[in-house]
């Protein structure tokens, strides 16, 4: 079978010091995938060497000043790891900073 992903997962740990404020640490990881079907070896998204394993770490925070409004701050891939999901062919961004204001109605 082709494009079978390696074992992978994610973990988040969230701390809520107040009801309207939270801080979170997260990781996304995947093992290497080097056992490949013949079609995977010739697939340019995978290649003959397979896909390397990785672990990526993120930090996030959120603040809700009033109901239905939220300010989010994130620092993703804090160690600037070069990685891609098995079979995607596209490397994910390096270190990334985000600031988001969310309004729900």
C-alpha atoms as a PDB file:
ATOM      1  CA  UNK A   1       0.000   0.000   0.000  1.00  0.00           C
ATOM      2  CA  UNK A   2       1.192   3.503  -0.808  1.00  0.00           C
ATOM      3  CA  UNK A   3       1.628   6.622   1.324  1.00  0.00           C
ATOM      4  CA  UNK A   4       1.172   4.922   4.679  1.00  0.00           C
ATOM      5  CA  UNK A   5       2.115   7.533   7.277  1.00  0.00           C
ATOM      6  CA  UNK A   6       4.466   6.769  10.138  1.00  0.00           C
ATOM      7  CA  UNK A   7       3.292   6.804  13.734  1.00  0.00           C
ATOM      8  CA  UNK A   8       2.596  10.425  14.695  1.00  0.00           C
ATOM      9  CA  UNK A   9       0.742  12.533  17.197  1.00  0.00           C
ATOM     10  CA  UNK A  10       0.367  15.751  19.097  1.00  0.00           C
ATOM     11  CA  UNK A  11       0.229  16.847  22.722  1.00  0.00           C
ATOM     12  CA  UNK A  12      -1.012  20.106  24.240  1.00  0.00           C
ATOM     13  CA  UNK A  13      -0.696  21.374  27.771  1.00  0.00           C
ATOM     14  CA  UNK A  14      -2.886  24.363  28.632  1.00  0.00           C
ATOM     15  CA  UNK A  15      -2.692  26.505  31.766  1.00  0.00           C
ATOM     16  CA  UNK A  16      -5.617  28.770  32.703  1.00  0.00           C
ATOM     17  CA  UNK A  17      -4.485  31.294  35.335  1.00  0.00           C
ATOM     18  CA  UNK A  18      -7.792  33.181  34.926  1.00  0.00           C
ATOM     19  CA  UNK A  19     -11.079  32.411  33.199  1.00  0.00           C
ATOM     20  CA  UNK A  20     -10.300  34.830  30.358  1.00  0.00           C
ATOM     21  CA  UNK A  21      -6.571  34.020  29.904  1.00  0.00           C
ATOM     22  CA  UNK A  22      -4.761  30.853  28.841  1.00  0.00           C
ATOM     23  CA  UNK A  23      -1.215  29.803  27.913  1.00  0.00           C
ATOM     24  CA  UNK A  24      -0.410  26.633  25.987  1.00  0.00           C
ATOM     25  CA  UNK A  25       2.633  24.581  25.014  1.00  0.00           C
ATOM     26  CA  UNK A  26       2.192  22.072  22.197  1.00  0.00           C
ATOM     27  CA  UNK A  27       4.174  19.591  20.178  1.00  0.00           C
ATOM     28  CA  UNK A  28       3.489  17.784  16.905  1.00  0.00           C
ATOM     29  CA  UNK A  29       5.685  14.830  16.033  1.00  0.00           C
ATOM     30  CA  UNK A  30       6.109  11.985  13.563  1.00  0.00           C
ATOM     31  CA  UNK A  31       8.492   9.066  13.311  1.00  0.00           C
ATOM     32  CA  UNK A  32      10.571   8.559  10.156  1.00  0.00           C
ATOM     33  CA  UNK A  33       8.987   6.553   7.334  1.00  0.00           C
ATOM     34  CA  UNK A  34      11.576   4.588   5.375  1.00  0.00           C
ATOM     35  CA  UNK A  35       9.577   1.433   4.608  1.00  0.00           C
ATOM     36  CA  UNK A  36       8.151   2.410   1.255  1.00  0.00           C
ATOM     37  CA  UNK A  37       6.032   0.861  -1.456  1.00  0.00           C
ATOM     38  CA  UNK A  38       7.560   0.816  -4.957  1.00  0.00           C
ATOM     39  CA  UNK A  39       5.284   3.685  -6.015  1.00  0.00           C
ATOM     40  CA  UNK A  40       6.427   5.795  -3.061  1.00  0.00           C
ATOM     41  CA  UNK A  41      10.088   5.511  -4.057  1.00  0.00           C
ATOM     42  CA  UNK A  42       9.381   7.073  -7.457  1.00  0.00           C
ATOM     43  CA  UNK A  43       6.881   9.619  -6.069  1.00  0.00           C
ATOM     44  CA  UNK A  44       8.626  13.041  -6.012  1.00  0.00           C
ATOM     45  CA  UNK A  45       6.632  13.990  -2.880  1.00  0.00           C
ATOM     46  CA  UNK A  46       8.339  11.168  -0.964  1.00  0.00           C
ATOM     47  CA  UNK A  47      11.474   9.962  -2.798  1.00  0.00           C
ATOM     48  CA  UNK A  48      13.717   6.939  -2.315  1.00  0.00           C
ATOM     49  CA  UNK A  49      14.941   8.009   1.149  1.00  0.00           C
ATOM     50  CA  UNK A  50      11.420   8.325   2.608  1.00  0.00           C
ATOM     51  CA  UNK A  51      10.426  11.014   5.093  1.00  0.00           C
ATOM     52  CA  UNK A  52      12.476  12.086   8.113  1.00  0.00           C
ATOM     53  CA  UNK A  53      10.970  12.106  11.571  1.00  0.00           C
ATOM     54  CA  UNK A  54      10.408  15.369  13.401  1.00  0.00           C
ATOM     55  CA  UNK A  55       9.163  17.039  16.556  1.00  0.00           C
ATOM     56  CA  UNK A  56       7.942  20.639  16.418  1.00  0.00           C
ATOM     57  CA  UNK A  57       7.202  22.801  19.470  1.00  0.00           C
ATOM     58  CA  UNK A  58       4.744  25.708  19.693  1.00  0.00           C
ATOM     59  CA  UNK A  59       3.738  28.279  22.319  1.00  0.00           C
ATOM     60  CA  UNK A  60       0.349  29.996  22.302  1.00  0.00           C
ATOM     61  CA  UNK A  61      -1.634  32.371  24.487  1.00  0.00           C
ATOM     62  CA  UNK A  62      -5.158  33.687  24.392  1.00  0.00           C
ATOM     63  CA  UNK A  63      -6.955  36.537  26.121  1.00  0.00           C
ATOM     64  CA  UNK A  64     -10.701  37.205  26.079  1.00  0.00           C
ATOM     65  CA  UNK A  65     -11.300  40.829  27.185  1.00  0.00           C
ATOM     66  CA  UNK A  66     -15.089  40.577  26.701  1.00  0.00           C
ATOM     67  CA  UNK A  67     -17.506  37.912  25.495  1.00  0.00           C
ATOM     68  CA  UNK A  68     -17.101  36.881  21.807  1.00  0.00           C
ATOM     69  CA  UNK A  69     -13.766  38.724  21.441  1.00  0.00           C
ATOM     70  CA  UNK A  70     -10.416  36.957  21.716  1.00  0.00           C
ATOM     71  CA  UNK A  71      -6.812  37.980  21.164  1.00  0.00           C
ATOM     72  CA  UNK A  72      -4.473  35.115  20.217  1.00  0.00           C
ATOM     73  CA  UNK A  73      -0.682  35.113  20.176  1.00  0.00           C
ATOM     74  CA  UNK A  74       1.351  32.199  18.809  1.00  0.00           C
ATOM     75  CA  UNK A  75       4.974  31.263  18.263  1.00  0.00           C
ATOM     76  CA  UNK A  76       5.127  28.113  16.139  1.00  0.00           C
ATOM     77  CA  UNK A  77       8.051  25.847  15.269  1.00  0.00           C
ATOM     78  CA  UNK A  78      10.157  27.688  17.845  1.00  0.00           C
ATOM     79  CA  UNK A  79      13.328  25.708  17.036  1.00  0.00           C
ATOM     80  CA  UNK A  80      12.971  26.401  13.275  1.00  0.00           C
ATOM     81  CA  UNK A  81      12.850  22.695  12.320  1.00  0.00           C
ATOM     82  CA  UNK A  82      12.693  21.837   8.604  1.00  0.00           C
ATOM     83  CA  UNK A  83      10.024  19.144   8.219  1.00  0.00           C
ATOM     84  CA  UNK A  84       7.221  17.842   6.051  1.00  0.00           C
ATOM     85  CA  UNK A  85       4.319  15.489   6.525  1.00  0.00           C
ATOM     86  CA  UNK A  86       4.821  12.127   4.821  1.00  0.00           C
ATOM     87  CA  UNK A  87       3.439  12.223   1.283  1.00  0.00           C
ATOM     88  CA  UNK A  88       2.797  15.970   1.178  1.00  0.00           C
ATOM     89  CA  UNK A  89       5.882  17.036  -0.787  1.00  0.00           C
ATOM     90  CA  UNK A  90       5.757  20.488   0.811  1.00  0.00           C
ATOM     91  CA  UNK A  91       7.951  21.573   3.695  1.00  0.00           C
ATOM     92  CA  UNK A  92       6.133  23.374   6.501  1.00  0.00           C
ATOM     93  CA  UNK A  93       7.129  26.925   7.458  1.00  0.00           C
ATOM     94  CA  UNK A  94      10.047  27.591   9.764  1.00  0.00           C
ATOM     95  CA  UNK A  95       9.643  29.668  12.889  1.00  0.00           C
ATOM     96  CA  UNK A  96       6.382  31.563  12.694  1.00  0.00           C
ATOM     97  CA  UNK A  97       4.782  34.337  14.764  1.00  0.00           C
ATOM     98  CA  UNK A  98       1.059  35.014  14.703  1.00  0.00           C
ATOM     99  CA  UNK A  99      -1.208  37.654  16.178  1.00  0.00           C
ATOM    100  CA  UNK A 100      -4.947  37.154  15.663  1.00  0.00           C
ATOM    101  CA  UNK A 101      -8.008  39.023  16.803  1.00  0.00           C
ATOM    102  CA  UNK A 102     -11.112  36.846  16.707  1.00  0.00           C
ATOM    103  CA  UNK A 103     -14.675  38.118  16.872  1.00  0.00           C
ATOM    104  CA  UNK A 104     -17.509  35.595  17.036  1.00  0.00           C
ATOM    105  CA  UNK A 105     -21.131  36.365  16.303  1.00  0.00           C
END
